[in-house]
């Protein structure tokens, strides 16, 4: 069920082109350190909602590769 929820949430996010239409990885990476922290992600409620699911290695940050799963 958790996998289904994750899949549906990702599908909703991806299908909502307006959510990420004018933004890319660098627009969320405010401090330019090459990762998106939870603090940086807070500017987008959908990204916050999916953050833990996208954070594949569980380090509390989204890499460019992890973030690309929503685009």
N, C-alpha and C. Protein backbone atom coordinates (compact mmCIF):
# COMPACT_ATOMS: atom_id res chain seq x y z
N UNK A 1 0.82 -1.19 0.00
CA UNK A 1 0.00 0.00 0.00
C UNK A 1 0.87 1.26 0.00
N UNK A 2 1.99 1.22 0.75
CA UNK A 2 2.88 2.38 0.80
C UNK A 2 3.44 2.67 -0.59
N UNK A 3 3.78 1.62 -1.33
CA UNK A 3 4.31 1.80 -2.68
C UNK A 3 3.25 2.41 -3.58
N UNK A 4 2.01 1.96 -3.44
CA UNK A 4 0.92 2.52 -4.23
C UNK A 4 0.74 3.99 -3.91
N UNK A 5 0.76 4.33 -2.63
CA UNK A 5 0.61 5.73 -2.23
C UNK A 5 1.74 6.57 -2.82
N UNK A 6 2.96 6.08 -2.75
CA UNK A 6 4.11 6.80 -3.30
C UNK A 6 3.95 6.98 -4.81
N UNK A 7 3.54 5.92 -5.48
CA UNK A 7 3.37 5.99 -6.93
C UNK A 7 2.30 7.00 -7.31
N UNK A 8 1.18 6.96 -6.61
CA UNK A 8 0.10 7.90 -6.90
C UNK A 8 0.52 9.33 -6.60
N UNK A 9 1.23 9.53 -5.52
CA UNK A 9 1.69 10.87 -5.16
C UNK A 9 2.68 11.41 -6.20
N UNK A 10 3.60 10.57 -6.63
CA UNK A 10 4.55 10.99 -7.65
C UNK A 10 3.84 11.27 -8.97
N UNK A 11 2.86 10.44 -9.32
CA UNK A 11 2.11 10.66 -10.56
C UNK A 11 1.37 11.99 -10.50
N UNK A 12 0.79 12.29 -9.35
CA UNK A 12 0.07 13.55 -9.20
C UNK A 12 1.02 14.73 -9.32
N UNK A 13 2.18 14.61 -8.74
CA UNK A 13 3.15 15.69 -8.80
C UNK A 13 3.66 15.89 -10.22
N UNK A 14 4.01 14.81 -10.87
CA UNK A 14 4.52 14.90 -12.23
C UNK A 14 3.45 15.43 -13.18
N UNK A 15 2.22 15.00 -12.98
CA UNK A 15 1.16 15.45 -13.87
C UNK A 15 0.79 16.90 -13.64
N UNK A 16 1.17 17.42 -12.51
CA UNK A 16 0.90 18.82 -12.22
C UNK A 16 2.08 19.65 -12.73
N UNK A 17 2.10 19.88 -14.01
CA UNK A 17 3.23 20.57 -14.62
C UNK A 17 3.41 21.97 -14.06
N UNK A 18 2.35 22.55 -13.56
CA UNK A 18 2.46 23.90 -13.00
C UNK A 18 3.32 23.90 -11.75
N UNK A 19 3.38 22.78 -11.05
CA UNK A 19 4.14 22.72 -9.80
C UNK A 19 5.62 22.95 -10.02
N UNK A 20 6.15 22.47 -11.11
CA UNK A 20 7.58 22.59 -11.37
C UNK A 20 7.88 23.22 -12.73
N UNK A 21 6.88 23.85 -13.33
CA UNK A 21 7.04 24.37 -14.68
C UNK A 21 8.15 25.40 -14.77
N UNK A 22 8.22 26.30 -13.82
CA UNK A 22 9.18 27.39 -13.92
C UNK A 22 10.37 27.22 -12.97
N UNK A 23 10.52 26.02 -12.43
CA UNK A 23 11.60 25.80 -11.47
C UNK A 23 12.43 24.59 -11.87
N UNK A 24 13.65 24.62 -11.44
CA UNK A 24 14.51 23.47 -11.63
C UNK A 24 15.28 23.24 -10.33
N UNK A 25 16.16 22.28 -10.36
CA UNK A 25 16.91 21.92 -9.15
C UNK A 25 17.56 23.14 -8.50
N UNK A 26 18.21 23.95 -9.30
CA UNK A 26 18.95 25.08 -8.74
C UNK A 26 18.04 26.12 -8.09
N UNK A 27 16.79 26.19 -8.52
CA UNK A 27 15.89 27.16 -7.89
C UNK A 27 15.51 26.74 -6.48
N UNK A 28 15.59 25.44 -6.17
CA UNK A 28 15.34 24.98 -4.80
C UNK A 28 16.62 24.95 -3.97
N UNK A 29 17.75 24.76 -4.61
CA UNK A 29 19.04 24.69 -3.92
C UNK A 29 19.52 26.12 -3.63
N UNK A 30 18.89 26.74 -2.66
CA UNK A 30 19.12 28.16 -2.38
C UNK A 30 20.55 28.49 -1.98
N UNK A 31 21.21 27.58 -1.27
CA UNK A 31 22.58 27.87 -0.83
C UNK A 31 23.64 27.37 -1.81
N UNK A 32 23.21 26.73 -2.89
CA UNK A 32 24.14 26.31 -3.93
C UNK A 32 25.09 25.20 -3.56
N UNK A 33 24.72 24.38 -2.57
CA UNK A 33 25.63 23.32 -2.14
C UNK A 33 25.45 22.00 -2.90
N UNK A 34 24.57 22.00 -3.90
CA UNK A 34 24.40 20.81 -4.72
C UNK A 34 23.36 19.83 -4.24
N UNK A 35 22.66 20.15 -3.16
CA UNK A 35 21.58 19.32 -2.65
C UNK A 35 20.43 20.22 -2.18
N UNK A 36 19.24 19.64 -2.09
CA UNK A 36 18.08 20.35 -1.56
C UNK A 36 17.81 19.81 -0.17
N UNK A 37 17.91 20.66 0.83
CA UNK A 37 17.62 20.25 2.20
C UNK A 37 16.11 20.37 2.45
N UNK A 38 15.65 19.80 3.55
CA UNK A 38 14.24 19.94 3.91
C UNK A 38 13.89 21.41 4.11
N UNK A 39 14.80 22.16 4.67
CA UNK A 39 14.57 23.59 4.88
C UNK A 39 14.39 24.31 3.55
N UNK A 40 15.18 23.94 2.55
CA UNK A 40 15.05 24.56 1.23
C UNK A 40 13.77 24.11 0.53
N UNK A 41 13.37 22.87 0.76
CA UNK A 41 12.18 22.31 0.10
C UNK A 41 10.88 22.93 0.59
N UNK A 42 10.92 23.55 1.75
CA UNK A 42 9.70 24.07 2.36
C UNK A 42 8.97 25.11 1.50
N UNK A 43 9.64 25.66 0.52
CA UNK A 43 9.01 26.66 -0.35
C UNK A 43 7.96 26.04 -1.28
N UNK A 44 7.92 24.70 -1.37
CA UNK A 44 6.96 24.02 -2.23
C UNK A 44 6.29 22.90 -1.44
N UNK A 45 5.00 23.05 -1.17
CA UNK A 45 4.30 22.08 -0.32
C UNK A 45 4.29 20.67 -0.91
N UNK A 46 4.22 20.54 -2.21
CA UNK A 46 4.24 19.21 -2.82
C UNK A 46 5.61 18.55 -2.65
N UNK A 47 6.66 19.34 -2.79
CA UNK A 47 8.00 18.79 -2.60
C UNK A 47 8.20 18.37 -1.15
N UNK A 48 7.72 19.16 -0.22
CA UNK A 48 7.81 18.81 1.21
C UNK A 48 7.08 17.49 1.46
N UNK A 49 5.90 17.37 0.88
CA UNK A 49 5.10 16.16 1.07
C UNK A 49 5.81 14.91 0.57
N UNK A 50 6.54 15.02 -0.51
CA UNK A 50 7.21 13.87 -1.12
C UNK A 50 8.68 13.73 -0.73
N UNK A 51 9.18 14.66 0.03
CA UNK A 51 10.61 14.73 0.31
C UNK A 51 11.17 13.39 0.80
N UNK A 52 10.58 12.82 1.83
CA UNK A 52 11.12 11.58 2.41
C UNK A 52 11.05 10.42 1.43
N UNK A 53 10.05 10.42 0.57
CA UNK A 53 9.93 9.35 -0.42
C UNK A 53 10.97 9.51 -1.53
N UNK A 54 11.28 10.74 -1.87
CA UNK A 54 12.27 10.99 -2.91
C UNK A 54 13.69 10.81 -2.41
N UNK A 55 13.89 11.01 -1.11
CA UNK A 55 15.22 10.89 -0.50
C UNK A 55 15.60 9.42 -0.38
N UNK A 56 16.00 8.84 -1.50
CA UNK A 56 16.24 7.40 -1.60
C UNK A 56 17.30 6.90 -0.62
N UNK A 57 18.34 7.69 -0.37
CA UNK A 57 19.40 7.22 0.53
C UNK A 57 19.16 7.63 1.98
N UNK A 58 18.07 8.36 2.24
CA UNK A 58 17.69 8.70 3.60
C UNK A 58 18.63 9.65 4.32
N UNK A 59 19.39 10.45 3.58
CA UNK A 59 20.35 11.34 4.22
C UNK A 59 19.79 12.72 4.57
N UNK A 60 18.49 12.92 4.31
CA UNK A 60 17.87 14.20 4.65
C UNK A 60 18.08 15.29 3.62
N UNK A 61 18.60 14.92 2.46
CA UNK A 61 18.84 15.87 1.38
C UNK A 61 18.46 15.21 0.06
N UNK A 62 18.05 16.03 -0.90
CA UNK A 62 17.76 15.52 -2.23
C UNK A 62 18.90 15.88 -3.17
N UNK A 63 19.45 14.88 -3.79
CA UNK A 63 20.47 15.11 -4.82
C UNK A 63 19.76 15.47 -6.12
N UNK A 64 20.54 15.88 -7.11
CA UNK A 64 19.95 16.17 -8.43
C UNK A 64 19.27 14.92 -8.98
N UNK A 65 19.89 13.78 -8.79
CA UNK A 65 19.32 12.52 -9.28
C UNK A 65 17.99 12.21 -8.59
N UNK A 66 17.95 12.36 -7.28
CA UNK A 66 16.70 12.10 -6.55
C UNK A 66 15.62 13.09 -6.97
N UNK A 67 15.97 14.35 -7.10
CA UNK A 67 15.02 15.39 -7.50
C UNK A 67 14.49 15.15 -8.91
N UNK A 68 15.32 14.60 -9.77
CA UNK A 68 14.91 14.38 -11.18
C UNK A 68 13.76 13.41 -11.31
N UNK A 69 13.47 12.64 -10.28
CA UNK A 69 12.37 11.68 -10.32
C UNK A 69 11.01 12.35 -10.38
N UNK A 70 10.95 13.65 -10.05
CA UNK A 70 9.68 14.38 -10.10
C UNK A 70 9.53 15.19 -11.37
N UNK A 71 10.52 15.22 -12.21
CA UNK A 71 10.43 16.03 -13.42
C UNK A 71 10.15 15.19 -14.63
